[in-house]
Amino acid sequence: RKERPEYISLAKEFFDGQNVFLDAKIKVL
């Protein structure tokens, strides 16, 4: 993968980064 994000965010990926009531951050190694 060329782009290497540090985290995957539930809110960012599924709710367009909105300030929603639920989020989860997964660190990518």
mmCIF file of all heavy atoms, coordinates in Angstrom:
data_MODEL
# 
_entry.id   MODEL 
# 
loop_
_atom_site.group_PDB 
_atom_site.id 
_atom_site.type_symbol 
_atom_site.label_atom_id 
_atom_site.label_alt_id 
_atom_site.label_comp_id 
_atom_site.label_asym_id 
_atom_site.label_entity_id 
_atom_site.label_seq_id 
_atom_site.pdbx_PDB_ins_code 
_atom_site.Cartn_x 
_atom_site.Cartn_y 
_atom_site.Cartn_z 
_atom_site.occupancy 
_atom_site.B_iso_or_equiv 
_atom_site.pdbx_formal_charge 
_atom_site.auth_seq_id 
_atom_site.auth_comp_id 
_atom_site.auth_asym_id 
_atom_site.auth_atom_id 
_atom_site.pdbx_PDB_model_num 
ATOM 1   N N   . ARG A 1 1  ? 0.852   -1.190 0.000  1.00 0.00 ? 1  ARG A N   1 
ATOM 2   C CA  . ARG A 1 1  ? 0.000   0.000  0.000  1.00 0.00 ? 1  ARG A CA  1 
ATOM 3   C C   . ARG A 1 1  ? 0.883   1.233  0.000  1.00 0.00 ? 1  ARG A C   1 
ATOM 4   O O   . ARG A 1 1  ? 1.776   1.384  0.830  1.00 0.00 ? 1  ARG A O   1 
ATOM 5   C CB  . ARG A 1 1  ? -0.912  0.007  1.238  1.00 0.00 ? 1  ARG A CB  1 
ATOM 6   C CG  . ARG A 1 1  ? -1.918  1.156  1.234  1.00 0.00 ? 1  ARG A CG  1 
ATOM 7   C CD  . ARG A 1 1  ? -2.869  1.025  2.413  1.00 0.00 ? 1  ARG A CD  1 
ATOM 8   N NE  . ARG A 1 1  ? -3.740  2.176  2.544  1.00 0.00 ? 1  ARG A NE  1 
ATOM 9   C CZ  . ARG A 1 1  ? -4.850  2.373  1.851  1.00 0.00 ? 1  ARG A CZ  1 
ATOM 10  N NH1 . ARG A 1 1  ? -5.219  1.468  0.965  1.00 0.00 ? 1  ARG A NH1 1 
ATOM 11  N NH2 . ARG A 1 1  ? -5.579  3.443  2.041  1.00 0.00 ? 1  ARG A NH2 1 
ATOM 12  N N   . LYS A 1 2  ? 0.637   2.143  -0.965 1.00 0.00 ? 2  LYS A N   1 
ATOM 13  C CA  . LYS A 1 2  ? 1.454   3.345  -1.062 1.00 0.00 ? 2  LYS A CA  1 
ATOM 14  C C   . LYS A 1 2  ? 1.148   4.311  0.072  1.00 0.00 ? 2  LYS A C   1 
ATOM 15  O O   . LYS A 1 2  ? 2.033   4.852  0.714  1.00 0.00 ? 2  LYS A O   1 
ATOM 16  C CB  . LYS A 1 2  ? 1.220   4.022  -2.423 1.00 0.00 ? 2  LYS A CB  1 
ATOM 17  C CG  . LYS A 1 2  ? 1.735   3.210  -3.600 1.00 0.00 ? 2  LYS A CG  1 
ATOM 18  C CD  . LYS A 1 2  ? 1.503   3.923  -4.920 1.00 0.00 ? 2  LYS A CD  1 
ATOM 19  C CE  . LYS A 1 2  ? 2.031   3.101  -6.095 1.00 0.00 ? 2  LYS A CE  1 
ATOM 20  N NZ  . LYS A 1 2  ? 1.798   3.779  -7.386 1.00 0.00 ? 2  LYS A NZ  1 
ATOM 21  N N   . GLU A 1 3  ? -0.164  4.552  0.292  1.00 0.00 ? 3  GLU A N   1 
ATOM 22  C CA  . GLU A 1 3  ? -0.553  5.423  1.392  1.00 0.00 ? 3  GLU A CA  1 
ATOM 23  C C   . GLU A 1 3  ? -0.595  4.591  2.677  1.00 0.00 ? 3  GLU A C   1 
ATOM 24  O O   . GLU A 1 3  ? -1.169  3.514  2.699  1.00 0.00 ? 3  GLU A O   1 
ATOM 25  C CB  . GLU A 1 3  ? -1.925  6.036  1.121  1.00 0.00 ? 3  GLU A CB  1 
ATOM 26  C CG  . GLU A 1 3  ? -1.953  6.951  -0.090 1.00 0.00 ? 3  GLU A CG  1 
ATOM 27  C CD  . GLU A 1 3  ? -3.331  7.513  -0.340 1.00 0.00 ? 3  GLU A CD  1 
ATOM 28  O OE1 . GLU A 1 3  ? -4.220  7.272  0.491  1.00 0.00 ? 3  GLU A OE1 1 
ATOM 29  O OE2 . GLU A 1 3  ? -3.515  8.170  -1.369 1.00 0.00 ? 3  GLU A OE2 1 
ATOM 30  N N   . ARG A 1 4  ? 0.012   5.123  3.725  1.00 0.00 ? 4  ARG A N   1 
ATOM 31  C CA  . ARG A 1 4  ? 0.079   4.367  4.968  1.00 0.00 ? 4  ARG A CA  1 
ATOM 32  C C   . ARG A 1 4  ? -0.462  5.192  6.128  1.00 0.00 ? 4  ARG A C   1 
ATOM 33  O O   . ARG A 1 4  ? 0.296   5.821  6.863  1.00 0.00 ? 4  ARG A O   1 
ATOM 34  C CB  . ARG A 1 4  ? 1.515   3.930  5.249  1.00 0.00 ? 4  ARG A CB  1 
ATOM 35  C CG  . ARG A 1 4  ? 2.033   2.923  4.233  1.00 0.00 ? 4  ARG A CG  1 
ATOM 36  C CD  . ARG A 1 4  ? 3.307   2.270  4.703  1.00 0.00 ? 4  ARG A CD  1 
ATOM 37  N NE  . ARG A 1 4  ? 3.602   1.062  3.968  1.00 0.00 ? 4  ARG A NE  1 
ATOM 38  C CZ  . ARG A 1 4  ? 4.459   0.135  4.380  1.00 0.00 ? 4  ARG A CZ  1 
ATOM 39  N NH1 . ARG A 1 4  ? 5.106   0.304  5.520  1.00 0.00 ? 4  ARG A NH1 1 
ATOM 40  N NH2 . ARG A 1 4  ? 4.675   -0.948 3.677  1.00 0.00 ? 4  ARG A NH2 1 
ATOM 41  N N   . PRO A 1 5  ? -1.771  5.209  6.308  1.00 0.00 ? 5  PRO A N   1 
ATOM 42  C CA  . PRO A 1 5  ? -2.334  5.961  7.432  1.00 0.00 ? 5  PRO A CA  1 
ATOM 43  C C   . PRO A 1 5  ? -1.931  5.327  8.753  1.00 0.00 ? 5  PRO A C   1 
ATOM 44  O O   . PRO A 1 5  ? -1.758  4.113  8.857  1.00 0.00 ? 5  PRO A O   1 
ATOM 45  C CB  . PRO A 1 5  ? -3.848  5.848  7.205  1.00 0.00 ? 5  PRO A CB  1 
ATOM 46  C CG  . PRO A 1 5  ? -4.016  4.603  6.402  1.00 0.00 ? 5  PRO A CG  1 
ATOM 47  C CD  . PRO A 1 5  ? -2.806  4.524  5.522  1.00 0.00 ? 5  PRO A CD  1 
ATOM 48  N N   . GLU A 1 6  ? -1.810  6.160  9.758  1.00 0.00 ? 6  GLU A N   1 
ATOM 49  C CA  . GLU A 1 6  ? -1.419  5.646  11.077 1.00 0.00 ? 6  GLU A CA  1 
ATOM 50  C C   . GLU A 1 6  ? -2.594  4.968  11.766 1.00 0.00 ? 6  GLU A C   1 
ATOM 51  O O   . GLU A 1 6  ? -2.420  3.998  12.500 1.00 0.00 ? 6  GLU A O   1 
ATOM 52  C CB  . GLU A 1 6  ? -0.899  6.791  11.952 1.00 0.00 ? 6  GLU A CB  1 
ATOM 53  C CG  . GLU A 1 6  ? -0.354  6.327  13.291 1.00 0.00 ? 6  GLU A CG  1 
ATOM 54  C CD  . GLU A 1 6  ? 0.209   7.457  14.121 1.00 0.00 ? 6  GLU A CD  1 
ATOM 55  O OE1 . GLU A 1 6  ? 0.142   8.625  13.658 1.00 0.00 ? 6  GLU A OE1 1 
ATOM 56  O OE2 . GLU A 1 6  ? 0.724   7.190  15.232 1.00 0.00 ? 6  GLU A OE2 1 
ATOM 57  N N   . TYR A 1 7  ? -3.794  5.492  11.498 1.00 0.00 ? 7  TYR A N   1 
ATOM 58  C CA  . TYR A 1 7  ? -4.993  4.947  12.141 1.00 0.00 ? 7  TYR A CA  1 
ATOM 59  C C   . TYR A 1 7  ? -6.107  4.760  11.110 1.00 0.00 ? 7  TYR A C   1 
ATOM 60  O O   . TYR A 1 7  ? -6.154  5.450  10.091 1.00 0.00 ? 7  TYR A O   1 
ATOM 61  C CB  . TYR A 1 7  ? -5.515  5.886  13.232 1.00 0.00 ? 7  TYR A CB  1 
ATOM 62  C CG  . TYR A 1 7  ? -4.632  5.982  14.449 1.00 0.00 ? 7  TYR A CG  1 
ATOM 63  C CD1 . TYR A 1 7  ? -3.674  6.988  14.555 1.00 0.00 ? 7  TYR A CD1 1 
ATOM 64  C CD2 . TYR A 1 7  ? -4.766  5.079  15.500 1.00 0.00 ? 7  TYR A CD2 1 
ATOM 65  C CE1 . TYR A 1 7  ? -2.863  7.084  15.673 1.00 0.00 ? 7  TYR A CE1 1 
ATOM 66  C CE2 . TYR A 1 7  ? -3.956  5.170  16.625 1.00 0.00 ? 7  TYR A CE2 1 
ATOM 67  C CZ  . TYR A 1 7  ? -3.012  6.174  16.710 1.00 0.00 ? 7  TYR A CZ  1 
ATOM 68  O OH  . TYR A 1 7  ? -2.209  6.257  17.812 1.00 0.00 ? 7  TYR A OH  1 
ATOM 69  N N   . ILE A 1 8  ? -7.003  3.830  11.415 1.00 0.00 ? 8  ILE A N   1 
ATOM 70  C CA  . ILE A 1 8  ? -8.288  3.736  10.731 1.00 0.00 ? 8  ILE A CA  1 
ATOM 71  C C   . ILE A 1 8  ? -9.331  4.176  11.745 1.00 0.00 ? 8  ILE A C   1 
ATOM 72  O O   . ILE A 1 8  ? -9.379  3.659  12.858 1.00 0.00 ? 8  ILE A O   1 
ATOM 73  C CB  . ILE A 1 8  ? -8.585  2.299  10.266 1.00 0.00 ? 8  ILE A CB  1 
ATOM 74  C CG1 . ILE A 1 8  ? -7.540  1.819  9.267  1.00 0.00 ? 8  ILE A CG1 1 
ATOM 75  C CG2 . ILE A 1 8  ? -9.979  2.225  9.639  1.00 0.00 ? 8  ILE A CG2 1 
ATOM 76  C CD1 . ILE A 1 8  ? -7.712  0.362  8.858  1.00 0.00 ? 8  ILE A CD1 1 
ATOM 77  N N   . SER A 1 9  ? -10.147 5.148  11.361 1.00 0.00 ? 9  SER A N   1 
ATOM 78  C CA  . SER A 1 9  ? -11.165 5.680  12.267 1.00 0.00 ? 9  SER A CA  1 
ATOM 79  C C   . SER A 1 9  ? -12.548 5.298  11.772 1.00 0.00 ? 9  SER A C   1 
ATOM 80  O O   . SER A 1 9  ? -12.884 5.509  10.609 1.00 0.00 ? 9  SER A O   1 
ATOM 81  C CB  . SER A 1 9  ? -11.046 7.200  12.356 1.00 0.00 ? 9  SER A CB  1 
ATOM 82  O OG  . SER A 1 9  ? -12.219 7.769  12.916 1.00 0.00 ? 9  SER A OG  1 
ATOM 83  N N   . LEU A 1 10 ? -13.349 4.742  12.665 1.00 0.00 ? 10 LEU A N   1 
ATOM 84  C CA  . LEU A 1 10 ? -14.714 4.357  12.312 1.00 0.00 ? 10 LEU A CA  1 
ATOM 85  C C   . LEU A 1 10 ? -15.511 5.583  11.866 1.00 0.00 ? 10 LEU A C   1 
ATOM 86  O O   . LEU A 1 10 ? -16.183 5.557  10.833 1.00 0.00 ? 10 LEU A O   1 
ATOM 87  C CB  . LEU A 1 10 ? -15.399 3.698  13.514 1.00 0.00 ? 10 LEU A CB  1 
ATOM 88  C CG  . LEU A 1 10 ? -16.830 3.201  13.284 1.00 0.00 ? 10 LEU A CG  1 
ATOM 89  C CD1 . LEU A 1 10 ? -16.814 1.917  12.473 1.00 0.00 ? 10 LEU A CD1 1 
ATOM 90  C CD2 . LEU A 1 10 ? -17.537 2.971  14.619 1.00 0.00 ? 10 LEU A CD2 1 
ATOM 91  N N   . ALA A 1 11 ? -15.431 6.675  12.629 1.00 0.00 ? 11 ALA A N   1 
ATOM 92  C CA  . ALA A 1 11 ? -16.197 7.886  12.300 1.00 0.00 ? 11 ALA A CA  1 
ATOM 93  C C   . ALA A 1 11 ? -15.748 8.475  10.975 1.00 0.00 ? 11 ALA A C   1 
ATOM 94  O O   . ALA A 1 11 ? -16.569 8.903  10.157 1.00 0.00 ? 11 ALA A O   1 
ATOM 95  C CB  . ALA A 1 11 ? -16.050 8.910  13.419 1.00 0.00 ? 11 ALA A CB  1 
ATOM 96  N N   . LYS A 1 12 ? -14.449 8.499  10.734 1.00 0.00 ? 12 LYS A N   1 
ATOM 97  C CA  . LYS A 1 12 ? -13.927 9.080  9.503  1.00 0.00 ? 12 LYS A CA  1 
ATOM 98  C C   . LYS A 1 12 ? -14.325 8.265  8.285  1.00 0.00 ? 12 LYS A C   1 
ATOM 99  O O   . LYS A 1 12 ? -14.734 8.811  7.254  1.00 0.00 ? 12 LYS A O   1 
ATOM 100 C CB  . LYS A 1 12 ? -12.408 9.177  9.584  1.00 0.00 ? 12 LYS A CB  1 
ATOM 101 C CG  . LYS A 1 12 ? -11.768 9.748  8.330  1.00 0.00 ? 12 LYS A CG  1 
ATOM 102 C CD  . LYS A 1 12 ? -10.248 9.799  8.458  1.00 0.00 ? 12 LYS A CD  1 
ATOM 103 C CE  . LYS A 1 12 ? -9.607  10.312 7.179  1.00 0.00 ? 12 LYS A CE  1 
ATOM 104 N NZ  . LYS A 1 12 ? -8.127  10.341 7.290  1.00 0.00 ? 12 LYS A NZ  1 
ATOM 105 N N   . GLU A 1 13 ? -14.205 6.957  8.377  1.00 0.00 ? 13 GLU A N   1 
ATOM 106 C CA  . GLU A 1 13 ? -14.440 6.096  7.219  1.00 0.00 ? 13 GLU A CA  1 
ATOM 107 C C   . GLU A 1 13 ? -15.915 5.877  6.918  1.00 0.00 ? 13 GLU A C   1 
ATOM 108 O O   . GLU A 1 13 ? -16.309 5.735  5.769  1.00 0.00 ? 13 GLU A O   1 
ATOM 109 C CB  . GLU A 1 13 ? -13.748 4.747  7.415  1.00 0.00 ? 13 GLU A CB  1 
ATOM 110 C CG  . GLU A 1 13 ? -12.238 4.829  7.567  1.00 0.00 ? 13 GLU A CG  1 
ATOM 111 C CD  . GLU A 1 13 ? -11.552 5.392  6.336  1.00 0.00 ? 13 GLU A CD  1 
ATOM 112 O OE1 . GLU A 1 13 ? -12.166 5.382  5.252  1.00 0.00 ? 13 GLU A OE1 1 
ATOM 113 O OE2 . GLU A 1 13 ? -10.404 5.854  6.462  1.00 0.00 ? 13 GLU A OE2 1 
ATOM 114 N N   . PHE A 1 14 ? -16.749 5.839  7.964  1.00 0.00 ? 14 PHE A N   1 
ATOM 115 C CA  . PHE A 1 14 ? -18.142 5.458  7.748  1.00 0.00 ? 14 PHE A CA  1 
ATOM 116 C C   . PHE A 1 14 ? -19.132 6.610  7.935  1.00 0.00 ? 14 PHE A C   1 
ATOM 117 O O   . PHE A 1 14 ? -20.274 6.523  7.504  1.00 0.00 ? 14 PHE A O   1 
ATOM 118 C CB  . PHE A 1 14 ? -18.514 4.302  8.670  1.00 0.00 ? 14 PHE A CB  1 
ATOM 119 C CG  . PHE A 1 14 ? -17.811 3.019  8.323  1.00 0.00 ? 14 PHE A CG  1 
ATOM 120 C CD1 . PHE A 1 14 ? -16.575 2.705  8.877  1.00 0.00 ? 14 PHE A CD1 1 
ATOM 121 C CD2 . PHE A 1 14 ? -18.364 2.133  7.414  1.00 0.00 ? 14 PHE A CD2 1 
ATOM 122 C CE1 . PHE A 1 14 ? -15.908 1.536  8.541  1.00 0.00 ? 14 PHE A CE1 1 
ATOM 123 C CE2 . PHE A 1 14 ? -17.707 0.959  7.070  1.00 0.00 ? 14 PHE A CE2 1 
ATOM 124 C CZ  . PHE A 1 14 ? -16.481 0.667  7.628  1.00 0.00 ? 14 PHE A CZ  1 
ATOM 125 N N   . PHE A 1 15 ? -18.699 7.686  8.594  1.00 0.00 ? 15 PHE A N   1 
ATOM 126 C CA  . PHE A 1 15 ? -19.607 8.806  8.841  1.00 0.00 ? 15 PHE A CA  1 
ATOM 127 C C   . PHE A 1 15 ? -18.994 10.131 8.402  1.00 0.00 ? 15 PHE A C   1 
ATOM 128 O O   . PHE A 1 15 ? -19.293 11.183 8.961  1.00 0.00 ? 15 PHE A O   1 
ATOM 129 C CB  . PHE A 1 15 ? -19.987 8.853  10.327 1.00 0.00 ? 15 PHE A CB  1 
ATOM 130 C CG  . PHE A 1 15 ? -20.517 7.547  10.844 1.00 0.00 ? 15 PHE A CG  1 
ATOM 131 C CD1 . PHE A 1 15 ? -19.807 6.820  11.792 1.00 0.00 ? 15 PHE A CD1 1 
ATOM 132 C CD2 . PHE A 1 15 ? -21.701 7.010  10.363 1.00 0.00 ? 15 PHE A CD2 1 
ATOM 133 C CE1 . PHE A 1 15 ? -20.273 5.606  12.264 1.00 0.00 ? 15 PHE A CE1 1 
ATOM 134 C CE2 . PHE A 1 15 ? -22.175 5.802  10.821 1.00 0.00 ? 15 PHE A CE2 1 
ATOM 135 C CZ  . PHE A 1 15 ? -21.462 5.088  11.772 1.00 0.00 ? 15 PHE A CZ  1 
ATOM 136 N N   . ASP A 1 16 ? -18.120 10.057 7.389  1.00 0.00 ? 16 ASP A N   1 
ATOM 137 C CA  . ASP A 1 16 ? -17.518 11.249 6.779  1.00 0.00 ? 16 ASP A CA  1 
ATOM 138 C C   . ASP A 1 16 ? -16.826 12.153 7.793  1.00 0.00 ? 16 ASP A C   1 
ATOM 139 O O   . ASP A 1 16 ? -16.797 13.379 7.637  1.00 0.00 ? 16 ASP A O   1 
ATOM 140 C CB  . ASP A 1 16 ? -18.583 12.052 6.028  1.00 0.00 ? 16 ASP A CB  1 
ATOM 141 C CG  . ASP A 1 16 ? -19.194 11.245 4.882  1.00 0.00 ? 16 ASP A CG  1 
ATOM 142 O OD1 . ASP A 1 16 ? -18.435 10.497 4.237  1.00 0.00 ? 16 ASP A OD1 1 
ATOM 143 O OD2 . ASP A 1 16 ? -20.406 11.350 4.652  1.00 0.00 ? 16 ASP A OD2 1 
ATOM 144 N N   . GLY A 1 17 ? -16.300 11.552 8.848  1.00 0.00 ? 17 GLY A N   1 
ATOM 145 C CA  . GLY A 1 17 ? -15.554 12.319 9.836  1.00 0.00 ? 17 GLY A CA  1 
ATOM 146 C C   . GLY A 1 17 ? -16.398 13.213 10.715 1.00 0.00 ? 17 GLY A C   1 
ATOM 147 O O   . GLY A 1 17 ? -15.872 14.076 11.423 1.00 0.00 ? 17 GLY A O   1 
ATOM 148 N N   . GLN A 1 18 ? -17.721 13.013 10.682 1.00 0.00 ? 18 GLN A N   1 
ATOM 149 C CA  . GLN A 1 18 ? -18.610 13.853 11.489 1.00 0.00 ? 18 GLN A CA  1 
ATOM 150 C C   . GLN A 1 18 ? -18.433 13.537 12.976 1.00 0.00 ? 18 GLN A C   1 
ATOM 151 O O   . GLN A 1 18 ? -17.957 12.465 13.357 1.00 0.00 ? 18 GLN A O   1 
ATOM 152 C CB  . GLN A 1 18 ? -20.070 13.618 11.087 1.00 0.00 ? 18 GLN A CB  1 
ATOM 153 C CG  . GLN A 1 18 ? -20.370 13.983 9.643  1.00 0.00 ? 18 GLN A CG  1 
ATOM 154 C CD  . GLN A 1 18 ? -21.807 13.678 9.283  1.00 0.00 ? 18 GLN A CD  1 
ATOM 155 O OE1 . GLN A 1 18 ? -22.723 13.952 10.049 1.00 0.00 ? 18 GLN A OE1 1 
ATOM 156 N NE2 . GLN A 1 18 ? -22.017 13.106 8.107  1.00 0.00 ? 18 GLN A NE2 1 
ATOM 157 N N   . ASN A 1 19 ? -18.852 14.481 13.786 1.00 0.00 ? 19 ASN A N   1 
ATOM 158 C CA  . ASN A 1 19 ? -18.782 14.300 15.229 1.00 0.00 ? 19 ASN A CA  1 
ATOM 159 C C   . ASN A 1 19 ? -19.969 13.453 15.675 1.00 0.00 ? 19 ASN A C   1 
ATOM 160 O O   . ASN A 1 19 ? -20.993 13.969 16.123 1.00 0.00 ? 19 ASN A O   1 
ATOM 161 C CB  . ASN A 1 19 ? -18.793 15.657 15.932 1.00 0.00 ? 19 ASN A CB  1 
ATOM 162 C CG  . ASN A 1 19 ? -18.586 15.517 17.434 1.00 0.00 ? 19 ASN A CG  1 
ATOM 163 O OD1 . ASN A 1 19 ? -18.086 14.503 17.913 1.00 0.00 ? 19 ASN A OD1 1 
ATOM 164 N ND2 . ASN A 1 19 ? -18.978 16.544 18.172 1.00 0.00 ? 19 ASN A ND2 1 
ATOM 165 N N   . VAL A 1 20 ? -19.830 12.142 15.523 1.00 0.00 ? 20 VAL A N   1 
ATOM 166 C CA  . VAL A 1 20 ? -20.920 11.224 15.841 1.00 0.00 ? 20 VAL A CA  1 
ATOM 167 C C   . VAL A 1 20 ? -20.759 10.694 17.264 1.00 0.00 ? 20 VAL A C   1 
ATOM 168 O O   . VAL A 1 20 ? -19.761 10.941 17.934 1.00 0.00 ? 20 VAL A O   1 
ATOM 169 C CB  . VAL A 1 20 ? -20.963 10.047 14.832 1.00 0.00 ? 20 VAL A CB  1 
ATOM 170 C CG1 . VAL A 1 20 ? -21.331 10.552 13.458 1.00 0.00 ? 20 VAL A CG1 1 
ATOM 171 C CG2 . VAL A 1 20 ? -19.633 9.330  14.790 1.00 0.00 ? 20 VAL A CG2 1 
ATOM 172 N N   . PHE A 1 21 ? -21.747 9.934  17.703 1.00 0.00 ? 21 PHE A N   1 
ATOM 173 C CA  . PHE A 1 21 ? -21.745 9.439  19.067 1.00 0.00 ? 21 PHE A CA  1 
ATOM 174 C C   . PHE A 1 21 ? -20.850 8.217  19.268 1.00 0.00 ? 21 PHE A C   1 
ATOM 175 O O   . PHE A 1 21 ? -20.651 7.776  20.388 1.00 0.00 ? 21 PHE A O   1 
ATOM 176 C CB  . PHE A 1 21 ? -23.184 9.090  19.493 1.00 0.00 ? 21 PHE A CB  1 
ATOM 177 C CG  . PHE A 1 21 ? -24.033 10.290 19.776 1.00 0.00 ? 21 PHE A CG  1 
ATOM 178 C CD1 . PHE A 1 21 ? -24.729 10.918 18.758 1.00 0.00 ? 21 PHE A CD1 1 
ATOM 179 C CD2 . PHE A 1 21 ? -24.122 10.800 21.059 1.00 0.00 ? 21 PHE A CD2 1 
ATOM 180 C CE1 . PHE A 1 21 ? -25.510 12.038 19.014 1.00 0.00 ? 21 PHE A CE1 1 
ATOM 181 C CE2 . PHE A 1 21 ? -24.902 11.911 21.327 1.00 0.00 ? 21 PHE A CE2 1 
ATOM 182 C CZ  . PHE A 1 21 ? -25.594 12.540 20.299 1.00 0.00 ? 21 PHE A CZ  1 
ATOM 183 N N   . LEU A 1 22 ? -20.359 7.657  18.195 1.00 0.00 ? 22 LEU A N   1 
ATOM 184 C CA  . LEU A 1 22 ? -19.535 6.457  18.309 1.00 0.00 ? 22 LEU A CA  1 
ATOM 185 C C   . LEU A 1 22 ? -18.328 6.553  17.399 1.00 0.00 ? 22 LEU A C   1 
ATOM 186 O O   . LEU A 1 22 ? -18.438 6.940  16.242 1.00 0.00 ? 22 LEU A O   1 
ATOM 187 C CB  . LEU A 1 22 ? -20.354 5.215  17.920 1.00 0.00 ? 22 LEU A CB  1 
ATOM 188 C CG  . LEU A 1 22 ? -19.611 3.878  17.921 1.00 0.00 ? 22 LEU A CG  1 
ATOM 189 C CD1 . LEU A 1 22 ? -19.189 3.499  19.342 1.00 0.00 ? 22 LEU A CD1 1 
ATOM 190 C CD2 . LEU A 1 22 ? -20.477 2.779  17.311 1.00 0.00 ? 22 LEU A CD2 1 
ATOM 191 N N   . ASP A 1 23 ? -17.175 6.191  17.934 1.00 0.00 ? 23 ASP A N   1 
ATOM 192 C CA  . ASP A 1 23 ? -15.969 6.134  17.119 1.00 0.00 ? 23 ASP A CA  1 
ATOM 193 C C   . ASP A 1 23 ? -15.069 5.038  17.671 1.00 0.00 ? 23 ASP A C   1 
ATOM 194 O O   . ASP A 1 23 ? -15.204 4.627  18.827 1.00 0.00 ? 23 ASP A O   1 
ATOM 195 C CB  . ASP A 1 23 ? -15.223 7.466  17.116 1.00 0.00 ? 23 ASP A CB  1 
ATOM 196 C CG  . ASP A 1 23 ? -14.175 7.543  16.006 1.00 0.00 ? 23 ASP A CG  1 
ATOM 197 O OD1 . ASP A 1 23 ? -14.152 6.636  15.151 1.00 0.00 ? 23 ASP A OD1 1 
ATOM 198 O OD2 . ASP A 1 23 ? -13.388 8.507  15.996 1.00 0.00 ? 23 ASP A OD2 1 
ATOM 199 N N   . ALA A 1 24 ? -14.198 4.559  16.841 1.00 0.00 ? 24 ALA A N   1 
ATOM 200 C CA  . ALA A 1 24 ? -13.182 3.590  17.253 1.00 0.00 ? 24 ALA A CA  1 
ATOM 201 C C   . ALA A 1 24 ? -11.957 3.836  16.391 1.00 0.00 ? 24 ALA A C   1 
ATOM 202 O O   . ALA A 1 24 ? -12.075 4.054  15.187 1.00 0.00 ? 24 ALA A O   1 
ATOM 203 C CB  . ALA A 1 24 ? -13.688 2.155  17.067 1.00 0.00 ? 24 ALA A CB  1 
ATOM 204 N N   . LYS A 1 25 ? -10.794 3.838  17.016 1.00 0.00 ? 25 LYS A N   1 
ATOM 205 C CA  . LYS A 1 25 ? -9.550  4.060  16.284 1.00 0.00 ? 25 LYS A CA  1 
ATOM 206 C C   . LYS A 1 25 ? -8.702  2.802  16.354 1.00 0.00 ? 25 LYS A C   1 
ATOM 207 O O   . LYS A 1 25 ? -8.483  2.248  17.434 1.00 0.00 ? 25 LYS A O   1 
ATOM 208 C CB  . LYS A 1 25 ? -8.788  5.244  16.877 1.00 0.00 ? 25 LYS A CB  1 
ATOM 209 C CG  . LYS A 1 25 ? -9.448  6.590  16.617 1.00 0.00 ? 25 LYS A CG  1 
ATOM 210 C CD  . LYS A 1 25 ? -8.690  7.714  17.316 1.00 0.00 ? 25 LYS A CD  1 
ATOM 211 C CE  . LYS A 1 25 ? -7.296  7.884  16.730 1.00 0.00 ? 25 LYS A CE  1 
ATOM 212 N NZ  . LYS A 1 25 ? -6.560  9.000  17.368 1.00 0.00 ? 25 LYS A NZ  1 
ATOM 213 N N   . ILE A 1 26 ? -8.257  2.363  15.186 1.00 0.00 ? 26 ILE A N   1 
ATOM 214 C CA  . ILE A 1 26 ? -7.407  1.176  15.098 1.00 0.00 ? 26 ILE A CA  1 
ATOM 215 C C   . ILE A 1 26 ? -6.060  1.602  14.558 1.00 0.00 ? 26 ILE A C   1 
ATOM 216 O O   . ILE A 1 26 ? -5.976  2.185  13.467 1.00 0.00 ? 26 ILE A O   1 
ATOM 217 C CB  . ILE A 1 26 ? -8.043  0.100  14.188 1.00 0.00 ? 26 ILE A CB  1 
ATOM 218 C CG1 . ILE A 1 26 ? -9.325  -0.447 14.817 1.00 0.00 ? 26 ILE A CG1 1 
ATOM 219 C CG2 . ILE A 1 26 ? -7.065  -1.050 13.964 1.00 0.00 ? 26 ILE A CG2 1 
ATOM 220 C CD1 . ILE A 1 26 ? -10.550 0.350  14.507 1.00 0.00 ? 26 ILE A CD1 1 
ATOM 221 N N   . LYS A 1 27 ? -5.014  1.343  15.283 1.00 0.00 ? 27 LYS A N   1 
ATOM 222 C CA  . LYS A 1 27 ? -3.667  1.699  14.845 1.00 0.00 ? 27 LYS A CA  1 
ATOM 223 C C   . LYS A 1 27 ? -3.186  0.655  13.845 1.00 0.00 ? 27 LYS A C   1 
ATOM 224 O O   . LYS A 1 27 ? -3.324  -0.551 14.068 1.00 0.00 ? 27 LYS A O   1 
ATOM 225 C CB  . LYS A 1 27 ? -2.710  1.766  16.029 1.00 0.00 ? 27 LYS A CB  1 
ATOM 226 C CG  . LYS A 1 27 ? -1.318  2.280  15.656 1.00 0.00 ? 27 LYS A CG  1 
ATOM 227 C CD  . LYS A 1 27 ? -0.444  2.483  16.874 1.00 0.00 ? 27 LYS A CD  1 
ATOM 228 C CE  . LYS A 1 27 ? 0.947   2.967  16.507 1.00 0.00 ? 27 LYS A CE  1 
ATOM 229 N NZ  . LYS A 1 27 ? 0.956   4.275  15.843 1.00 0.00 ? 27 LYS A NZ  1 
ATOM 230 N N   . VAL A 1 28 ? -2.635  1.123  12.733 1.00 0.00 ? 28 VAL A N   1 
ATOM 231 C CA  . VAL A 1 28 ? -2.162  0.230  11.681 1.00 0.00 ? 28 VAL A CA  1 
ATOM 232 C C   . VAL A 1 28 ? -0.650  0.024  11.824 1.00 0.00 ? 28 VAL A C   1 
ATOM 233 O O   . VAL A 1 28 ? 0.110   0.986  11.902 1.00 0.00 ? 28 VAL A O   1 
ATOM 234 C CB  . VAL A 1 28 ? -2.477  0.787  10.280 1.00 0.00 ? 28 VAL A CB  1 
ATOM 235 C CG1 . VAL A 1 28 ? -2.132  -0.244 9.211  1.00 0.00 ? 28 VAL A CG1 1 
ATOM 236 C CG2 . VAL A 1 28 ? -3.956  1.177  10.180 1.00 0.00 ? 28 VAL A CG2 1 
ATOM 237 N N   . LEU A 1 29 ? -0.234  -1.228 11.871 1.00 0.00 ? 29 LEU A N   1 
ATOM 238 C CA  . LEU A 1 29 ? 1.179   -1.581 11.998 1.00 0.00 ? 29 LEU A CA  1 
ATOM 239 C C   . LEU A 1 29 ? 1.644   -2.212 10.693 1.00 0.00 ? 29 LEU A C   1 
ATOM 240 O O   . LEU A 1 29 ? 1.002   -3.129 10.175 1.00 0.00 ? 29 LEU A O   1 
ATOM 241 C CB  . LEU A 1 29 ? 1.374   -2.562 13.153 1.00 0.00 ? 29 LEU A CB  1 
ATOM 242 C CG  . LEU A 1 29 ? 0.784   -2.133 14.512 1.00 0.00 ? 29 LEU A CG  1 
ATOM 243 C CD1 . LEU A 1 29 ? 0.863   -3.276 15.506 1.00 0.00 ? 29 LEU A CD1 1 
ATOM 244 C CD2 . LEU A 1 29 ? 1.499   -0.907 15.049 1.00 0.00 ? 29 LEU A CD2 1 
# 
